[in-house]
Protein backbone atom coordinates (compact mmCIF):
# COMPACT_ATOMS: atom_id res chain seq x y z
CA MET A 1 102.97 75.78 31.41
CA THR A 2 106.36 74.44 30.79
CA GLN A 3 109.30 75.88 32.23
CA GLU A 4 110.61 77.56 29.53
CA THR A 5 107.37 79.42 29.15
CA ALA A 6 107.55 80.37 32.59
CA GLU A 7 111.07 81.43 31.69
CA ILE A 8 109.93 83.53 28.92
CA LYS A 9 107.23 85.15 31.01
CA ARG A 10 109.63 86.27 33.90
CA ASN A 11 112.16 87.90 31.43
CA ILE A 12 109.09 89.87 29.85
CA GLN A 13 108.00 91.25 33.39
CA ARG A 14 111.59 92.02 34.26
CA LYS A 15 111.98 93.66 30.90
CA ARG A 16 108.72 95.74 31.47
CA HIS A 17 110.05 96.75 34.92
CA GLU A 18 113.32 97.87 33.60
CA ILE A 19 111.68 100.07 30.99
CA ASP A 20 109.01 101.34 33.53
CA GLU A 21 111.93 102.60 35.59
CA ASP A 22 113.77 103.99 32.42
CA ILE A 23 110.84 105.99 31.53
CA ALA A 24 110.23 107.54 35.13
CA ARG A 25 114.12 108.21 34.96
CA LEU A 26 113.64 110.04 31.71
CA ARG A 27 110.44 111.88 32.72
CA GLU A 28 112.35 113.28 35.89
CA GLU A 29 115.28 114.51 33.73
CA LEU A 30 112.86 115.86 31.21
CA PHE A 31 110.83 117.92 34.13
CA GLN A 32 114.08 118.92 35.63
CA ARG A 33 115.68 120.33 32.12
CA MET A 34 112.62 122.39 31.57
CA ASP A 35 112.69 123.96 34.66
CA TRP A 36 114.31 127.41 33.98
CA ARG A 37 115.50 127.76 38.01
CA TRP A 38 117.56 124.42 37.49
CA GLN A 39 118.96 125.73 34.22
CA VAL A 40 120.20 129.08 35.99
CA ARG A 41 121.59 127.03 38.62
CA SER A 42 123.30 124.68 36.84
CA ARG A 43 124.57 127.22 34.61
CA PRO A 44 124.91 130.69 36.30
CA PHE A 45 127.36 132.13 33.44
CA THR A 46 125.25 131.15 30.68
CA ALA A 47 122.17 132.24 32.01
CA LEU A 48 123.85 135.82 32.74
CA GLY A 49 124.97 135.82 29.53
CA VAL A 50 121.76 135.28 28.03
CA ALA A 51 119.85 137.88 30.15
CA LEU A 52 122.94 140.09 29.16
CA ALA A 53 122.30 139.46 25.40
CA CYS A 54 118.41 139.97 25.91
CA GLY A 55 118.89 143.30 27.83
CA LEU A 56 121.41 144.82 24.81
CA PHE A 57 118.95 143.25 22.37
CA ALA A 58 116.00 145.12 24.20
CA GLY A 59 117.85 148.19 24.49
CA PHE A 60 118.81 148.52 20.91
CA MET A 61 115.16 147.96 19.89
CA VAL A 62 113.82 150.76 22.26
CA THR A 63 116.69 153.37 21.02
CA ARG A 64 115.85 152.97 17.52
């Protein structure tokens, strides 16, 4: 194996490691963003507004 081939293999291994780290980070972020508790903690006023809108909508639908 030549030195150039070994360098290419090291580059491929390094890139694979970087991709694995990126995928793990993205997976963690996806799970975090799908968690409703995290959404409420990070945006409490938006969550309150959504809850208020849902309550008003349900109230209007029941009174009809």
